[in-house]
Amino acid sequence: MFEKLVNIICNYVEVEPENVHPESRFMEDLGFTSFDFMSMLGELEEELDVEIDEHEAANIRTVQEAADYLEKLKAEE
């Protein structure tokens, strides 16, 4: 899940995959805007066929938190 997430992240911000780490924060470290983040969540919903809760997504700060959340959603299917 982490690698897939990194590939999608690199579509939204100009960062090399090797510079995306589990502890990387979307806004502060990777340069996401809130629009970028919401757009990425929409793509993830389509890619992974999951429903992302906006309130839960608002609490996601790091790449690892996002990967863990997505894995949890996939497990609930």
N, C-alpha and C. Protein backbone atom coordinates (compact mmCIF):
# COMPACT_ATOMS: atom_id res chain seq x y z
N MET A 1 0.83 -1.20 0.00
CA MET A 1 0.00 0.00 0.00
C MET A 1 0.87 1.26 0.00
N PHE A 2 1.97 1.21 0.76
CA PHE A 2 2.83 2.39 0.87
C PHE A 2 3.39 2.78 -0.50
N GLU A 3 3.88 1.80 -1.26
CA GLU A 3 4.47 2.10 -2.57
C GLU A 3 3.44 2.68 -3.53
N LYS A 4 2.23 2.11 -3.51
CA LYS A 4 1.17 2.61 -4.37
C LYS A 4 0.85 4.07 -4.02
N LEU A 5 0.80 4.34 -2.73
CA LEU A 5 0.52 5.69 -2.25
C LEU A 5 1.62 6.66 -2.69
N VAL A 6 2.86 6.23 -2.59
CA VAL A 6 3.99 7.08 -3.00
C VAL A 6 3.87 7.43 -4.49
N ASN A 7 3.52 6.45 -5.31
CA ASN A 7 3.38 6.70 -6.75
C ASN A 7 2.30 7.74 -7.02
N ILE A 8 1.20 7.65 -6.30
CA ILE A 8 0.11 8.61 -6.50
C ILE A 8 0.52 9.98 -5.98
N ILE A 9 1.20 10.03 -4.85
CA ILE A 9 1.68 11.30 -4.29
C ILE A 9 2.53 12.03 -5.32
N CYS A 10 3.40 11.29 -6.00
CA CYS A 10 4.31 11.90 -6.98
C CYS A 10 3.58 12.47 -8.19
N ASN A 11 2.33 12.08 -8.39
CA ASN A 11 1.52 12.67 -9.46
C ASN A 11 1.00 14.05 -9.08
N TYR A 12 0.98 14.34 -7.79
CA TYR A 12 0.38 15.59 -7.32
C TYR A 12 1.38 16.66 -6.93
N VAL A 13 2.54 16.26 -6.47
CA VAL A 13 3.56 17.24 -6.09
C VAL A 13 4.88 16.84 -6.71
N GLU A 14 5.73 17.82 -6.92
CA GLU A 14 7.02 17.54 -7.54
C GLU A 14 8.01 17.06 -6.50
N VAL A 15 7.98 15.77 -6.26
CA VAL A 15 8.88 15.15 -5.30
C VAL A 15 9.25 13.78 -5.86
N GLU A 16 10.49 13.40 -5.65
CA GLU A 16 10.94 12.09 -6.12
C GLU A 16 10.47 11.01 -5.15
N PRO A 17 10.12 9.83 -5.67
CA PRO A 17 9.64 8.75 -4.79
C PRO A 17 10.57 8.45 -3.62
N GLU A 18 11.90 8.52 -3.87
CA GLU A 18 12.83 8.20 -2.79
C GLU A 18 12.86 9.26 -1.69
N ASN A 19 12.21 10.41 -1.95
CA ASN A 19 12.14 11.47 -0.94
C ASN A 19 10.84 11.44 -0.14
N VAL A 20 10.01 10.44 -0.41
CA VAL A 20 8.76 10.28 0.34
C VAL A 20 8.99 9.18 1.37
N HIS A 21 8.84 9.54 2.64
CA HIS A 21 9.10 8.61 3.74
C HIS A 21 7.83 8.42 4.56
N PRO A 22 7.75 7.34 5.35
CA PRO A 22 6.55 7.12 6.17
C PRO A 22 6.20 8.32 7.04
N GLU A 23 7.21 9.01 7.57
CA GLU A 23 6.95 10.14 8.46
C GLU A 23 6.76 11.47 7.73
N SER A 24 6.86 11.45 6.39
CA SER A 24 6.67 12.69 5.61
C SER A 24 5.26 13.22 5.82
N ARG A 25 5.17 14.53 6.11
CA ARG A 25 3.87 15.16 6.29
C ARG A 25 3.44 15.75 4.95
N PHE A 26 2.17 15.57 4.62
CA PHE A 26 1.68 16.00 3.31
C PHE A 26 1.89 17.49 3.07
N MET A 27 1.44 18.32 3.98
CA MET A 27 1.50 19.77 3.77
C MET A 27 2.91 20.30 4.00
N GLU A 28 3.47 20.02 5.17
CA GLU A 28 4.73 20.64 5.58
C GLU A 28 5.93 20.11 4.81
N ASP A 29 5.99 18.79 4.57
CA ASP A 29 7.18 18.21 3.96
C ASP A 29 7.06 18.01 2.45
N LEU A 30 5.87 17.67 1.99
CA LEU A 30 5.71 17.33 0.57
C LEU A 30 5.13 18.46 -0.26
N GLY A 31 4.65 19.52 0.40
CA GLY A 31 4.17 20.69 -0.33
C GLY A 31 2.76 20.59 -0.87
N PHE A 32 1.95 19.69 -0.31
CA PHE A 32 0.56 19.58 -0.73
C PHE A 32 -0.23 20.82 -0.33
N THR A 33 -1.16 21.21 -1.19
CA THR A 33 -2.18 22.18 -0.79
C THR A 33 -3.39 21.35 -0.37
N SER A 34 -4.36 21.97 0.28
CA SER A 34 -5.54 21.20 0.68
C SER A 34 -6.27 20.70 -0.56
N PHE A 35 -6.24 21.47 -1.65
CA PHE A 35 -6.86 21.02 -2.90
C PHE A 35 -6.16 19.77 -3.44
N ASP A 36 -4.81 19.80 -3.44
CA ASP A 36 -4.05 18.63 -3.89
C ASP A 36 -4.43 17.40 -3.07
N PHE A 37 -4.50 17.60 -1.76
CA PHE A 37 -4.78 16.48 -0.86
C PHE A 37 -6.16 15.89 -1.14
N MET A 38 -7.15 16.76 -1.29
CA MET A 38 -8.51 16.27 -1.55
C MET A 38 -8.61 15.60 -2.92
N SER A 39 -7.91 16.14 -3.90
CA SER A 39 -7.89 15.52 -5.23
C SER A 39 -7.26 14.13 -5.17
N MET A 40 -6.17 14.03 -4.41
CA MET A 40 -5.49 12.75 -4.27
C MET A 40 -6.43 11.74 -3.58
N LEU A 41 -7.16 12.19 -2.57
CA LEU A 41 -8.09 11.29 -1.88
C LEU A 41 -9.15 10.77 -2.85
N GLY A 42 -9.63 11.64 -3.73
CA GLY A 42 -10.61 11.21 -4.74
C GLY A 42 -10.04 10.16 -5.65
N GLU A 43 -8.79 10.34 -6.06
CA GLU A 43 -8.15 9.35 -6.93
C GLU A 43 -7.96 8.03 -6.18
N LEU A 44 -7.58 8.11 -4.91
CA LEU A 44 -7.40 6.90 -4.11
C LEU A 44 -8.71 6.14 -3.95
N GLU A 45 -9.80 6.87 -3.78
CA GLU A 45 -11.11 6.21 -3.67
C GLU A 45 -11.40 5.40 -4.93
N GLU A 46 -11.13 6.01 -6.09
CA GLU A 46 -11.38 5.32 -7.36
C GLU A 46 -10.43 4.15 -7.55
N GLU A 47 -9.12 4.40 -7.33
CA GLU A 47 -8.09 3.37 -7.52
C GLU A 47 -8.35 2.14 -6.66
N LEU A 48 -8.68 2.39 -5.38
CA LEU A 48 -8.76 1.30 -4.42
C LEU A 48 -10.19 0.85 -4.16
N ASP A 49 -11.15 1.55 -4.76
CA ASP A 49 -12.57 1.22 -4.58
C ASP A 49 -12.95 1.23 -3.09
N VAL A 50 -12.62 2.35 -2.44
CA VAL A 50 -12.96 2.54 -1.02
C VAL A 50 -13.67 3.87 -0.86
N GLU A 51 -14.31 4.03 0.28
CA GLU A 51 -14.99 5.28 0.63
C GLU A 51 -14.21 5.93 1.76
N ILE A 52 -13.61 7.10 1.48
CA ILE A 52 -12.80 7.79 2.48
C ILE A 52 -13.68 8.79 3.23
N ASP A 53 -13.68 8.67 4.55
CA ASP A 53 -14.46 9.56 5.40
C ASP A 53 -13.71 10.90 5.53
N GLU A 54 -14.38 12.00 5.18
CA GLU A 54 -13.73 13.31 5.18
C GLU A 54 -13.21 13.70 6.56
N HIS A 55 -13.96 13.36 7.61
CA HIS A 55 -13.53 13.71 8.97
C HIS A 55 -12.29 12.93 9.37
N GLU A 56 -12.25 11.67 8.99
CA GLU A 56 -11.06 10.86 9.28
C GLU A 56 -9.87 11.37 8.46
N ALA A 57 -10.12 11.71 7.20
CA ALA A 57 -9.06 12.19 6.32
C ALA A 57 -8.45 13.48 6.84
N ALA A 58 -9.25 14.30 7.49
CA ALA A 58 -8.76 15.58 8.02
C ALA A 58 -7.71 15.36 9.11
N ASN A 59 -7.70 14.18 9.72
CA ASN A 59 -6.73 13.89 10.78
C ASN A 59 -5.46 13.25 10.27
N ILE A 60 -5.40 12.96 8.98
CA ILE A 60 -4.22 12.31 8.39
C ILE A 60 -3.17 13.37 8.12
N ARG A 61 -2.01 13.19 8.71
CA ARG A 61 -0.91 14.15 8.54
C ARG A 61 0.27 13.56 7.77
N THR A 62 0.56 12.26 8.00
CA THR A 62 1.75 11.67 7.39
C THR A 62 1.37 10.60 6.36
N VAL A 63 2.34 10.27 5.55
CA VAL A 63 2.13 9.24 4.52
C VAL A 63 1.80 7.90 5.18
N GLN A 64 2.48 7.57 6.28
CA GLN A 64 2.20 6.30 6.95
C GLN A 64 0.79 6.27 7.52
N GLU A 65 0.33 7.39 8.08
CA GLU A 65 -1.05 7.45 8.58
C GLU A 65 -2.04 7.19 7.45
N ALA A 66 -1.77 7.74 6.28
CA ALA A 66 -2.65 7.53 5.12
C ALA A 66 -2.62 6.08 4.69
N ALA A 67 -1.42 5.48 4.63
CA ALA A 67 -1.30 4.09 4.22
C ALA A 67 -2.03 3.17 5.21
N ASP A 68 -1.87 3.45 6.51
CA ASP A 68 -2.55 2.64 7.53
C ASP A 68 -4.07 2.75 7.39
N TYR A 69 -4.54 3.98 7.18
CA TYR A 69 -5.99 4.21 7.04
C TYR A 69 -6.54 3.47 5.82
N LEU A 70 -5.82 3.55 4.70
CA LEU A 70 -6.27 2.89 3.48
C LEU A 70 -6.26 1.37 3.64
N GLU A 71 -5.25 0.84 4.33
CA GLU A 71 -5.21 -0.60 4.57
C GLU A 71 -6.39 -1.03 5.44
N LYS A 72 -6.74 -0.20 6.41
CA LYS A 72 -7.87 -0.51 7.28
C LYS A 72 -9.17 -0.53 6.45
N LEU A 73 -9.33 0.45 5.56
CA LEU A 73 -10.52 0.49 4.70
C LEU A 73 -10.60 -0.75 3.81
N LYS A 74 -9.48 -1.14 3.23
CA LYS A 74 -9.47 -2.32 2.36
C LYS A 74 -9.80 -3.58 3.15
N ALA A 75 -9.35 -3.65 4.39
CA ALA A 75 -9.60 -4.82 5.23
C ALA A 75 -11.08 -4.94 5.60
N GLU A 76 -11.77 -3.79 5.64
CA GLU A 76 -13.18 -3.78 6.03
C GLU A 76 -14.10 -4.18 4.89
N GLU A 77 -13.59 -4.25 3.68
CA GLU A 77 -14.43 -4.58 2.52
C GLU A 77 -15.04 -5.96 2.63
